Amino acid sequence: MPETESTVRWVGAVLPAVAAVAVSAWAGWCFAGSAPPTTPVAVAGGAALLGGACVAYWVLVRGSGGFFGALLLGMGLLLAVAAAEQATARAEVATCVVEGVRTTVQESFGEGAPPGKTVYRLALRCPGGYPAELKDDRPVAAEGEEIRVAYDPHRRVSPAPEGATSPWKAAVCAVLLLVLSTVIARASSKPPAA
């Protein structure tokens, strides 16, 4: 029985790394694969991988450590998906001319609310006609200027200025959360002091 308990705890400690690889591979295929699944299949598959990993971790590690470790694991896996999306989704780049810039202010309501957020919508003229619009939180180009726009030819994600999306911040945060969930699983596997 002690060997079985040790094996179960060891599997709980390895699970975050295995789940991160599986979820990142799934997300990479969904965002940049040559024959990606439909959106409902992509979302259902990702949810099944993420939910299954968290439930398995909670069952394997057990107790409050299992709960908080599963929570950290879930957040880490979501960040791994964000990193995969930022790294692979916008595979094409086009040089476009800005034909017009509109601004919209999204107001915040309530006492002590943060100031309104300004959204810049750039009407674009790009080779092939796509992308036709770019939205950003900052003024990235003025009317008449050229801008390089990274976009997904399959139109699964919105276009962004070239170089504006970087996977590193999400990837580093994902690794930190996954390491914490592994540490919790390893700490939970130690027998209680006599």
N, C-alpha and C. Protein backbone atom coordinates (compact mmCIF):
# COMPACT_ATOMS: atom_id res chain seq x y z
N MET A 1 0.81 -1.21 0.00
CA MET A 1 0.00 0.00 0.00
C MET A 1 0.85 1.27 0.00
N PRO A 2 1.96 1.36 0.80
CA PRO A 2 2.76 2.57 0.77
C PRO A 2 3.35 2.85 -0.61
N GLU A 3 3.73 1.78 -1.36
CA GLU A 3 4.28 1.99 -2.70
C GLU A 3 3.22 2.55 -3.63
N THR A 4 1.99 2.07 -3.51
CA THR A 4 0.90 2.58 -4.33
C THR A 4 0.64 4.04 -4.01
N GLU A 5 0.62 4.38 -2.73
CA GLU A 5 0.41 5.77 -2.31
C GLU A 5 1.52 6.66 -2.85
N SER A 6 2.75 6.20 -2.80
CA SER A 6 3.88 6.97 -3.32
C SER A 6 3.77 7.16 -4.83
N THR A 7 3.35 6.14 -5.55
CA THR A 7 3.18 6.23 -6.99
C THR A 7 2.09 7.22 -7.36
N VAL A 8 0.98 7.17 -6.63
CA VAL A 8 -0.12 8.10 -6.89
C VAL A 8 0.34 9.53 -6.66
N ARG A 9 1.07 9.78 -5.58
CA ARG A 9 1.56 11.14 -5.30
C ARG A 9 2.57 11.58 -6.36
N TRP A 10 3.42 10.67 -6.82
CA TRP A 10 4.41 10.99 -7.84
C TRP A 10 3.70 11.39 -9.14
N VAL A 11 2.66 10.64 -9.50
CA VAL A 11 1.88 10.97 -10.69
C VAL A 11 1.25 12.36 -10.53
N GLY A 12 0.76 12.68 -9.33
CA GLY A 12 0.20 14.01 -9.07
C GLY A 12 1.23 15.10 -9.26
N ALA A 13 2.50 14.83 -8.94
CA ALA A 13 3.55 15.83 -9.10
C ALA A 13 3.97 16.00 -10.55
N VAL A 14 3.86 14.94 -11.35
CA VAL A 14 4.24 15.00 -12.76
C VAL A 14 3.10 15.54 -13.63
N LEU A 15 1.88 15.41 -13.15
CA LEU A 15 0.70 15.80 -13.92
C LEU A 15 0.74 17.23 -14.45
N PRO A 16 1.18 18.26 -13.69
CA PRO A 16 1.18 19.62 -14.25
C PRO A 16 2.00 19.75 -15.53
N ALA A 17 3.17 19.12 -15.58
CA ALA A 17 4.00 19.22 -16.79
C ALA A 17 3.35 18.50 -17.96
N VAL A 18 2.81 17.32 -17.73
CA VAL A 18 2.16 16.54 -18.79
C VAL A 18 0.93 17.30 -19.30
N ALA A 19 0.14 17.84 -18.39
CA ALA A 19 -1.06 18.58 -18.78
C ALA A 19 -0.70 19.84 -19.57
N ALA A 20 0.37 20.52 -19.16
CA ALA A 20 0.79 21.74 -19.87
C ALA A 20 1.20 21.42 -21.30
N VAL A 21 1.91 20.33 -21.49
CA VAL A 21 2.32 19.93 -22.84
C VAL A 21 1.10 19.59 -23.68
N ALA A 22 0.17 18.82 -23.10
CA ALA A 22 -1.03 18.41 -23.84
C ALA A 22 -1.90 19.61 -24.21
N VAL A 23 -2.14 20.49 -23.25
CA VAL A 23 -3.00 21.66 -23.50
C VAL A 23 -2.34 22.61 -24.49
N SER A 24 -1.02 22.82 -24.38
CA SER A 24 -0.31 23.71 -25.31
C SER A 24 -0.33 23.13 -26.72
N ALA A 25 -0.14 21.82 -26.85
CA ALA A 25 -0.18 21.19 -28.16
C ALA A 25 -1.58 21.31 -28.78
N TRP A 26 -2.61 21.08 -27.97
CA TRP A 26 -3.99 21.22 -28.46
C TRP A 26 -4.25 22.66 -28.92
N ALA A 27 -3.86 23.63 -28.09
CA ALA A 27 -4.09 25.04 -28.43
C ALA A 27 -3.30 25.43 -29.68
N GLY A 28 -2.06 24.97 -29.78
CA GLY A 28 -1.25 25.27 -30.96
C GLY A 28 -1.89 24.73 -32.23
N TRP A 29 -2.42 23.51 -32.15
CA TRP A 29 -3.09 22.92 -33.31
C TRP A 29 -4.37 23.69 -33.65
N CYS A 30 -5.12 24.06 -32.62
CA CYS A 30 -6.37 24.78 -32.85
C CYS A 30 -6.13 26.16 -33.46
N PHE A 31 -5.06 26.84 -33.05
CA PHE A 31 -4.80 28.19 -33.53
C PHE A 31 -4.01 28.23 -34.83
N ALA A 32 -3.14 27.25 -35.07
CA ALA A 32 -2.26 27.35 -36.22
C ALA A 32 -2.17 26.08 -37.05
N GLY A 33 -2.94 25.08 -36.73
CA GLY A 33 -2.87 23.84 -37.48
C GLY A 33 -3.34 24.01 -38.91
N SER A 34 -2.85 23.14 -39.80
CA SER A 34 -3.24 23.23 -41.20
C SER A 34 -4.70 22.84 -41.41
N ALA A 35 -5.21 21.97 -40.56
CA ALA A 35 -6.63 21.58 -40.62
C ALA A 35 -7.19 21.62 -39.20
N PRO A 36 -7.38 22.84 -38.66
CA PRO A 36 -7.83 22.96 -37.27
C PRO A 36 -9.28 22.50 -37.09
N PRO A 37 -9.63 22.12 -35.87
CA PRO A 37 -11.01 21.71 -35.63
C PRO A 37 -11.94 22.91 -35.65
N THR A 38 -13.23 22.63 -35.70
CA THR A 38 -14.21 23.71 -35.62
C THR A 38 -14.14 24.33 -34.22
N THR A 39 -14.69 25.51 -34.08
CA THR A 39 -14.64 26.21 -32.79
C THR A 39 -15.28 25.40 -31.66
N PRO A 40 -16.48 24.81 -31.85
CA PRO A 40 -17.06 24.02 -30.75
C PRO A 40 -16.17 22.83 -30.35
N VAL A 41 -15.57 22.17 -31.33
CA VAL A 41 -14.69 21.03 -31.02
C VAL A 41 -13.44 21.53 -30.30
N ALA A 42 -12.88 22.64 -30.75
CA ALA A 42 -11.67 23.19 -30.12
C ALA A 42 -11.94 23.56 -28.67
N VAL A 43 -13.06 24.24 -28.43
CA VAL A 43 -13.39 24.66 -27.06
C VAL A 43 -13.70 23.45 -26.19
N ALA A 44 -14.49 22.50 -26.71
CA ALA A 44 -14.84 21.31 -25.92
C ALA A 44 -13.60 20.47 -25.61
N GLY A 45 -12.74 20.30 -26.59
CA GLY A 45 -11.50 19.54 -26.35
C GLY A 45 -10.60 20.20 -25.34
N GLY A 46 -10.44 21.53 -25.46
CA GLY A 46 -9.62 22.26 -24.50
C GLY A 46 -10.20 22.21 -23.10
N ALA A 47 -11.52 22.37 -22.99
CA ALA A 47 -12.17 22.31 -21.68
C ALA A 47 -12.03 20.93 -21.06
N ALA A 48 -12.15 19.88 -21.88
CA ALA A 48 -12.01 18.52 -21.38
C ALA A 48 -10.59 18.27 -20.88
N LEU A 49 -9.59 18.73 -21.63
CA LEU A 49 -8.20 18.56 -21.19
C LEU A 49 -7.93 19.32 -19.90
N LEU A 50 -8.35 20.57 -19.87
CA LEU A 50 -8.11 21.41 -18.69
C LEU A 50 -8.86 20.89 -17.48
N GLY A 51 -10.15 20.63 -17.64
CA GLY A 51 -10.96 20.13 -16.52
C GLY A 51 -10.50 18.76 -16.05
N GLY A 52 -10.18 17.89 -17.00
CA GLY A 52 -9.71 16.55 -16.64
C GLY A 52 -8.42 16.59 -15.85
N ALA A 53 -7.50 17.46 -16.26
CA ALA A 53 -6.22 17.59 -15.54
C ALA A 53 -6.44 18.10 -14.12
N CYS A 54 -7.30 19.09 -13.97
CA CYS A 54 -7.56 19.65 -12.63
C CYS A 54 -8.24 18.64 -11.72
N VAL A 55 -9.22 17.92 -12.24
CA VAL A 55 -9.91 16.90 -11.43
C VAL A 55 -8.95 15.78 -11.06
N ALA A 56 -8.14 15.33 -12.03
CA ALA A 56 -7.17 14.27 -11.75
C ALA A 56 -6.18 14.70 -10.67
N TYR A 57 -5.71 15.93 -10.76
CA TYR A 57 -4.77 16.45 -9.76
C TYR A 57 -5.42 16.47 -8.39
N TRP A 58 -6.65 16.98 -8.32
CA TRP A 58 -7.35 17.07 -7.04
C TRP A 58 -7.56 15.69 -6.43
N VAL A 59 -7.91 14.72 -7.25
CA VAL A 59 -8.12 13.36 -6.76
C VAL A 59 -6.80 12.73 -6.30
N LEU A 60 -5.74 12.97 -7.05
CA LEU A 60 -4.44 12.35 -6.72
C LEU A 60 -3.79 12.97 -5.49
N VAL A 61 -3.86 14.29 -5.37
CA VAL A 61 -3.15 14.97 -4.28
C VAL A 61 -4.01 15.04 -3.02
N ARG A 62 -5.29 15.24 -3.17
CA ARG A 62 -6.28 15.28 -2.08
C ARG A 62 -6.04 16.41 -1.08
N GLY A 63 -7.04 16.64 -0.28
CA GLY A 63 -6.97 17.63 0.80
C GLY A 63 -6.94 19.05 0.28
N SER A 64 -6.60 19.97 1.18
CA SER A 64 -6.57 21.38 0.79
C SER A 64 -5.45 21.65 -0.21
N GLY A 65 -4.35 20.90 -0.09
CA GLY A 65 -3.28 21.04 -1.07
C GLY A 65 -3.74 20.65 -2.46
N GLY A 66 -4.56 19.61 -2.53
CA GLY A 66 -5.10 19.18 -3.82
C GLY A 66 -6.01 20.24 -4.42
N PHE A 67 -6.82 20.88 -3.57
CA PHE A 67 -7.73 21.92 -4.07
C PHE A 67 -6.95 23.11 -4.60
N PHE A 68 -6.04 23.65 -3.77
CA PHE A 68 -5.30 24.83 -4.19
C PHE A 68 -4.32 24.52 -5.32
N GLY A 69 -3.73 23.34 -5.31
CA GLY A 69 -2.86 22.93 -6.41
C GLY A 69 -3.63 22.82 -7.71
N ALA A 70 -4.85 22.26 -7.66
CA ALA A 70 -5.69 22.16 -8.86
C ALA A 70 -6.08 23.55 -9.36
N LEU A 71 -6.34 24.46 -8.45
CA LEU A 71 -6.66 25.84 -8.83
C LEU A 71 -5.47 26.49 -9.54
N LEU A 72 -4.27 26.34 -8.98
CA LEU A 72 -3.07 26.88 -9.61
C LEU A 72 -2.82 26.21 -10.96
N LEU A 73 -3.06 24.90 -11.01
CA LEU A 73 -2.89 24.16 -12.26
C LEU A 73 -3.83 24.71 -13.33
N GLY A 74 -5.09 24.91 -12.98
CA GLY A 74 -6.05 25.44 -13.94
C GLY A 74 -5.65 26.81 -14.47
N MET A 75 -5.21 27.69 -13.56
CA MET A 75 -4.79 29.02 -14.00
C MET A 75 -3.54 28.92 -14.88
N GLY A 76 -2.60 28.05 -14.51
CA GLY A 76 -1.40 27.86 -15.31
C GLY A 76 -1.70 27.33 -16.70
N LEU A 77 -2.65 26.40 -16.78
CA LEU A 77 -3.03 25.84 -18.09
C LEU A 77 -3.72 26.89 -18.96
N LEU A 78 -4.55 27.74 -18.35
CA LEU A 78 -5.19 28.81 -19.12
C LEU A 78 -4.14 29.79 -19.65
N LEU A 79 -3.13 30.08 -18.85
CA LEU A 79 -2.05 30.95 -19.32
C LEU A 79 -1.22 30.27 -20.41
N ALA A 80 -1.08 28.94 -20.34
CA ALA A 80 -0.38 28.21 -21.40
C ALA A 80 -1.15 28.32 -22.71
N VAL A 81 -2.47 28.29 -22.64
CA VAL A 81 -3.30 28.47 -23.84
C VAL A 81 -3.11 29.88 -24.38
N ALA A 82 -3.09 30.88 -23.50
CA ALA A 82 -2.88 32.26 -23.93
C ALA A 82 -1.52 32.42 -24.61
N ALA A 83 -0.49 31.79 -24.04
CA ALA A 83 0.85 31.86 -24.65
C ALA A 83 0.86 31.19 -26.01
N ALA A 84 0.20 30.05 -26.14
CA ALA A 84 0.13 29.36 -27.44
C ALA A 84 -0.60 30.21 -28.46
N GLU A 85 -1.68 30.85 -28.04
CA GLU A 85 -2.43 31.73 -28.95
C GLU A 85 -1.57 32.90 -29.42
N GLN A 86 -0.86 33.51 -28.50
CA GLN A 86 -0.03 34.66 -28.85
C GLN A 86 1.17 34.27 -29.70
N ALA A 87 1.64 33.04 -29.55
CA ALA A 87 2.81 32.61 -30.30
C ALA A 87 2.46 32.13 -31.71
N THR A 88 1.27 31.58 -31.90
CA THR A 88 0.99 30.92 -33.17
C THR A 88 -0.16 31.48 -33.98
N ALA A 89 -1.04 32.24 -33.40
CA ALA A 89 -2.29 32.57 -34.07
C ALA A 89 -2.14 33.52 -35.25
N ARG A 90 -1.24 34.44 -35.20
CA ARG A 90 -1.13 35.45 -36.26
C ARG A 90 0.10 35.16 -37.11
N ALA A 91 -0.04 34.22 -38.02
CA ALA A 91 1.10 33.72 -38.80
C ALA A 91 1.45 34.58 -40.00
N GLU A 92 0.54 35.40 -40.49
CA GLU A 92 0.77 36.21 -41.69
C GLU A 92 0.93 37.68 -41.31
N VAL A 93 1.68 38.42 -42.13
CA VAL A 93 1.89 39.84 -41.91
C VAL A 93 1.63 40.58 -43.22
N ALA A 94 0.91 41.70 -43.15
CA ALA A 94 0.63 42.52 -44.32
C ALA A 94 0.97 43.97 -44.01
N THR A 95 1.44 44.68 -45.02
CA THR A 95 1.66 46.11 -44.88
C THR A 95 0.41 46.80 -45.40
N CYS A 96 -0.25 47.55 -44.51
CA CYS A 96 -1.54 48.16 -44.82
C CYS A 96 -1.46 49.67 -44.67
N VAL A 97 -2.37 50.35 -45.35
CA VAL A 97 -2.48 51.81 -45.25
C VAL A 97 -3.68 52.13 -44.37
N VAL A 98 -3.48 53.03 -43.42
CA VAL A 98 -4.57 53.45 -42.53
C VAL A 98 -5.43 54.46 -43.28
N GLU A 99 -6.69 54.12 -43.50
CA GLU A 99 -7.59 55.02 -44.23
C GLU A 99 -8.39 55.93 -43.31
N GLY A 100 -8.47 55.58 -42.05
CA GLY A 100 -9.20 56.41 -41.10
C GLY A 100 -9.02 55.88 -39.69
N VAL A 101 -9.16 56.77 -38.72
CA VAL A 101 -9.04 56.39 -37.32
C VAL A 101 -10.27 56.93 -36.57
N ARG A 102 -10.99 56.03 -35.90
CA ARG A 102 -12.12 56.42 -35.05
C ARG A 102 -11.77 56.05 -33.61
N THR A 103 -12.18 56.88 -32.68
CA THR A 103 -11.98 56.55 -31.27
C THR A 103 -13.33 56.39 -30.59
N THR A 104 -13.38 55.47 -29.67
CA THR A 104 -14.56 55.23 -28.86
C THR A 104 -14.11 55.17 -27.41
N VAL A 105 -14.84 55.85 -26.54
CA VAL A 105 -14.51 55.80 -25.11
C VAL A 105 -15.52 54.90 -24.43
N GLN A 106 -15.01 53.87 -23.78
CA GLN A 106 -15.85 52.96 -23.01
C GLN A 106 -15.83 53.46 -21.56
N GLU A 107 -16.94 53.98 -21.13
CA GLU A 107 -17.03 54.59 -19.81
C GLU A 107 -17.11 53.54 -18.70
N SER A 108 -16.56 53.89 -17.55
CA SER A 108 -16.70 53.09 -16.34
C SER A 108 -17.72 53.80 -15.46
N PHE A 109 -18.54 53.03 -14.78
CA PHE A 109 -19.58 53.64 -13.96
C PHE A 109 -19.39 53.24 -12.49
N GLY A 110 -19.86 54.10 -11.62
CA GLY A 110 -19.81 53.81 -10.19
C GLY A 110 -18.80 54.68 -9.48
N GLU A 111 -18.98 54.79 -8.20
CA GLU A 111 -18.08 55.60 -7.38
C GLU A 111 -16.72 54.93 -7.29
N GLY A 112 -15.67 55.69 -7.56
CA GLY A 112 -14.32 55.15 -7.50
C GLY A 112 -13.94 54.30 -8.70
N ALA A 113 -14.76 54.33 -9.74
CA ALA A 113 -14.47 53.53 -10.94
C ALA A 113 -13.27 54.10 -11.66
N PRO A 114 -12.52 53.27 -12.35
CA PRO A 114 -11.38 53.78 -13.11
C PRO A 114 -11.87 54.66 -14.27
N PRO A 115 -10.98 55.47 -14.81
CA PRO A 115 -11.38 56.33 -15.93
C PRO A 115 -11.78 55.48 -17.15
N GLY A 116 -12.49 56.11 -18.06
CA GLY A 116 -12.92 55.42 -19.27
C GLY A 116 -11.73 54.93 -20.09
N LYS A 117 -11.99 53.92 -20.90
CA LYS A 117 -10.94 53.33 -21.75
C LYS A 117 -11.18 53.77 -23.19
N THR A 118 -10.15 54.28 -23.85
CA THR A 118 -10.26 54.70 -25.23
C THR A 118 -9.84 53.55 -26.14
N VAL A 119 -10.69 53.22 -27.12
CA VAL A 119 -10.39 52.19 -28.10
C VAL A 119 -10.22 52.87 -29.45
N TYR A 120 -9.11 52.57 -30.12
CA TYR A 120 -8.80 53.14 -31.43
C TYR A 120 -9.14 52.10 -32.49
N ARG A 121 -9.98 52.48 -33.45
CA ARG A 121 -10.37 51.60 -34.56
C ARG A 121 -9.77 52.19 -35.84
N LEU A 122 -8.88 51.43 -36.43
CA LEU A 122 -8.22 51.88 -37.65
C LEU A 122 -8.84 51.17 -38.85
N ALA A 123 -9.37 51.92 -39.80
CA ALA A 123 -9.86 51.36 -41.05
C ALA A 123 -8.63 51.15 -41.94
N LEU A 124 -8.46 49.93 -42.46
CA LEU A 124 -7.25 49.58 -43.21
C LEU A 124 -7.54 49.25 -44.67
N ARG A 125 -6.55 49.53 -45.50
CA ARG A 125 -6.56 49.05 -46.88
C ARG A 125 -5.33 48.15 -47.02
N CYS A 126 -5.61 46.84 -47.08
CA CYS A 126 -4.54 45.85 -47.12
C CYS A 126 -4.59 45.07 -48.43
N PRO A 127 -3.46 44.52 -48.86
CA PRO A 127 -3.48 43.66 -50.05
C PRO A 127 -4.43 42.48 -49.81
N GLY A 128 -5.30 42.20 -50.75
CA GLY A 128 -6.26 41.12 -50.60
C GLY A 128 -7.50 41.51 -49.82
N GLY A 129 -7.54 42.73 -49.25
CA GLY A 129 -8.73 43.20 -48.56
C GLY A 129 -8.87 42.78 -47.11
N TYR A 130 -7.96 41.97 -46.59
CA TYR A 130 -8.05 41.57 -45.19
C TYR A 130 -6.69 41.75 -44.54
N PRO A 131 -6.63 42.24 -43.34
CA PRO A 131 -7.71 42.73 -42.48
C PRO A 131 -8.19 44.10 -42.91
N ALA A 132 -9.43 44.37 -42.61
CA ALA A 132 -10.04 45.65 -42.97
C ALA A 132 -10.07 46.62 -41.79
N GLU A 133 -9.90 46.10 -40.57
CA GLU A 133 -9.97 46.94 -39.38
C GLU A 133 -9.01 46.40 -38.32
N LEU A 134 -8.47 47.32 -37.55
CA LEU A 134 -7.58 46.97 -36.44
C LEU A 134 -8.04 47.76 -35.23
N LYS A 135 -8.23 47.06 -34.10
CA LYS A 135 -8.62 47.73 -32.85
C LYS A 135 -7.46 47.63 -31.87
N ASP A 136 -7.19 48.73 -31.18
CA ASP A 136 -6.12 48.73 -30.19
C ASP A 136 -6.44 49.73 -29.10
N ASP A 137 -5.76 49.59 -27.96
CA ASP A 137 -5.96 50.49 -26.82
C ASP A 137 -5.07 51.73 -26.91
N ARG A 138 -4.26 51.80 -27.94
CA ARG A 138 -3.36 52.94 -28.09
C ARG A 138 -3.34 53.36 -29.56
N PRO A 139 -3.00 54.59 -29.84
CA PRO A 139 -2.94 55.03 -31.24
C PRO A 139 -1.67 54.48 -31.90
N VAL A 140 -1.80 53.49 -32.75
CA VAL A 140 -0.63 52.83 -33.34
C VAL A 140 -0.21 53.44 -34.67
N ALA A 141 -1.10 54.17 -35.33
CA ALA A 141 -0.76 54.84 -36.60
C ALA A 141 -1.80 55.91 -36.88
N ALA A 142 -1.38 56.91 -37.63
CA ALA A 142 -2.29 58.00 -38.02
C ALA A 142 -2.83 57.73 -39.42
N GLU A 143 -3.87 58.44 -39.78
CA GLU A 143 -4.47 58.30 -41.11
C GLU A 143 -3.42 58.59 -42.18
N GLY A 144 -3.37 57.73 -43.19
CA GLY A 144 -2.42 57.87 -44.29
C GLY A 144 -1.10 57.14 -44.08
N GLU A 145 -0.82 56.72 -42.87
CA GLU A 145 0.43 55.99 -42.58
C GLU A 145 0.30 54.52 -42.94
N GLU A 146 1.45 53.90 -43.15
CA GLU A 146 1.49 52.45 -43.35
C GLU A 146 1.77 51.78 -42.01
N ILE A 147 1.19 50.61 -41.83
CA ILE A 147 1.40 49.83 -40.62
C ILE A 147 1.48 48.35 -41.00
N ARG A 148 2.37 47.65 -40.32
CA ARG A 148 2.47 46.19 -40.56
C ARG A 148 1.56 45.50 -39.56
N VAL A 149 0.66 44.69 -40.09
CA VAL A 149 -0.38 44.04 -39.28
C VAL A 149 -0.20 42.53 -39.35
N ALA A 150 -0.11 41.90 -38.17
CA ALA A 150 -0.06 40.44 -38.09
C ALA A 150 -1.49 39.93 -37.98
N TYR A 151 -1.81 38.89 -38.76
CA TYR A 151 -3.18 38.40 -38.76
C TYR A 151 -3.23 36.90 -39.01
N ASP A 152 -4.36 36.32 -38.68
CA ASP A 152 -4.61 34.90 -38.91
C ASP A 152 -5.37 34.77 -40.23
N PRO A 153 -4.80 34.08 -41.23
CA PRO A 153 -5.51 33.96 -42.51
C PRO A 153 -6.84 33.20 -42.39
N HIS A 154 -6.99 32.41 -41.33
CA HIS A 154 -8.25 31.69 -41.12
C HIS A 154 -9.26 32.51 -40.32
N ARG A 155 -8.84 33.70 -39.88
CA ARG A 155 -9.70 34.66 -39.17
C ARG A 155 -10.25 34.13 -37.85
N ARG A 156 -9.42 33.36 -37.13
CA ARG A 156 -9.85 32.83 -35.84
C ARG A 156 -9.60 33.81 -34.70
N VAL A 157 -8.64 34.71 -34.87
CA VAL A 157 -8.36 35.74 -33.87
C VAL A 157 -8.24 37.09 -34.57
N SER A 158 -8.43 38.15 -33.82
CA SER A 158 -8.39 39.48 -34.42
C SER A 158 -6.95 39.88 -34.75
N PRO A 159 -6.77 40.72 -35.78
CA PRO A 159 -5.43 41.16 -36.14
C PRO A 159 -4.82 42.07 -35.08
N ALA A 160 -3.50 42.20 -35.12
CA ALA A 160 -2.77 43.04 -34.17
C ALA A 160 -1.57 43.66 -34.87
N PRO A 161 -1.08 44.79 -34.38
CA PRO A 161 0.15 45.35 -34.97
C PRO A 161 1.28 44.33 -34.84
N GLU A 162 2.11 44.25 -35.87
CA GLU A 162 3.22 43.29 -35.84
C GLU A 162 4.08 43.51 -34.61
N GLY A 163 4.37 42.45 -33.89
CA GLY A 163 5.20 42.52 -32.69
C GLY A 163 4.47 42.92 -31.42
N ALA A 164 3.18 43.20 -31.52
CA ALA A 164 2.43 43.66 -30.34
C ALA A 164 2.07 42.53 -29.39
N THR A 165 1.97 41.32 -29.89
CA THR A 165 1.62 40.20 -29.02
C THR A 165 2.85 39.32 -28.82
N SER A 166 3.21 39.15 -27.58
CA SER A 166 4.36 38.32 -27.22
C SER A 166 3.93 37.27 -26.22
N PRO A 167 4.32 36.01 -26.44
CA PRO A 167 3.88 34.95 -25.54
C PRO A 167 4.68 34.87 -24.24
N TRP A 168 5.73 35.64 -24.10
CA TRP A 168 6.65 35.43 -22.98
C TRP A 168 6.05 35.71 -21.62
N LYS A 169 5.30 36.77 -21.48
CA LYS A 169 4.72 37.10 -20.17
C LYS A 169 3.75 36.01 -19.73
N ALA A 170 2.87 35.58 -20.61
CA ALA A 170 1.92 34.51 -20.27
C ALA A 170 2.66 33.20 -20.01
N ALA A 171 3.70 32.92 -20.80
CA ALA A 171 4.45 31.67 -20.64
C ALA A 171 5.18 31.63 -19.29
N VAL A 172 5.80 32.74 -18.91
CA VAL A 172 6.52 32.78 -17.63
C VAL A 172 5.54 32.61 -16.46
N CYS A 173 4.41 33.30 -16.52
CA CYS A 173 3.40 33.16 -15.46
C CYS A 173 2.86 31.73 -15.41
N ALA A 174 2.65 31.12 -16.57
CA ALA A 174 2.17 29.73 -16.62
C ALA A 174 3.17 28.80 -15.97
N VAL A 175 4.45 28.96 -16.29
CA VAL A 175 5.48 28.10 -15.70
C VAL A 175 5.52 28.26 -14.19
N LEU A 176 5.44 29.50 -13.71
CA LEU A 176 5.46 29.72 -12.25
C LEU A 176 4.29 29.03 -11.56
N LEU A 177 3.09 29.15 -12.11
CA LEU A 177 1.92 28.50 -11.50
C LEU A 177 2.01 26.98 -11.58
N LEU A 178 2.52 26.47 -12.69
CA LEU A 178 2.68 25.01 -12.82
C LEU A 178 3.74 24.47 -11.86
N VAL A 179 4.80 25.24 -11.66
CA VAL A 179 5.83 24.83 -10.69
C VAL A 179 5.25 24.84 -9.28
N LEU A 180 4.45 25.85 -8.96
CA LEU A 180 3.82 25.89 -7.63
C LEU A 180 2.90 24.69 -7.42
N SER A 181 2.13 24.31 -8.43
CA SER A 181 1.24 23.15 -8.28
C SER A 181 2.06 21.87 -8.13
N THR A 182 3.22 21.79 -8.79
CA THR A 182 4.09 20.63 -8.63
C THR A 182 4.68 20.60 -7.22
N VAL A 183 5.09 21.75 -6.71
CA VAL A 183 5.64 21.82 -5.35
C VAL A 183 4.58 21.40 -4.33
N ILE A 184 3.36 21.83 -4.52
CA ILE A 184 2.28 21.43 -3.60
C ILE A 184 2.08 19.92 -3.64
N ALA A 185 2.09 19.35 -4.84
CA ALA A 185 1.92 17.89 -4.95
C ALA A 185 3.07 17.15 -4.30
N ARG A 186 4.30 17.62 -4.47
CA ARG A 186 5.46 16.97 -3.85
C ARG A 186 5.41 17.12 -2.33
N ALA A 187 5.02 18.31 -1.85
CA ALA A 187 4.94 18.53 -0.41
C ALA A 187 3.85 17.67 0.22
N SER A 188 2.78 17.45 -0.51
CA SER A 188 1.68 16.63 0.00
C SER A 188 2.04 15.16 0.04
N SER A 189 3.08 14.78 -0.74
CA SER A 189 3.44 13.36 -0.80
C SER A 189 4.35 12.93 0.34
N LYS A 190 4.88 13.87 1.11
CA LYS A 190 5.74 13.52 2.23
C LYS A 190 4.89 12.98 3.37
N PRO A 191 5.34 11.90 4.00
CA PRO A 191 4.57 11.37 5.11
C PRO A 191 4.59 12.32 6.29
N PRO A 192 3.51 12.37 7.08
CA PRO A 192 3.49 13.27 8.23
C PRO A 192 4.57 12.91 9.24
N ALA A 193 5.07 13.93 9.93
CA ALA A 193 6.12 13.73 10.92
C ALA A 193 5.58 12.88 12.08
N ALA A 194 6.44 12.01 12.59
CA ALA A 194 6.02 11.12 13.68
C ALA A 194 6.10 11.78 15.01
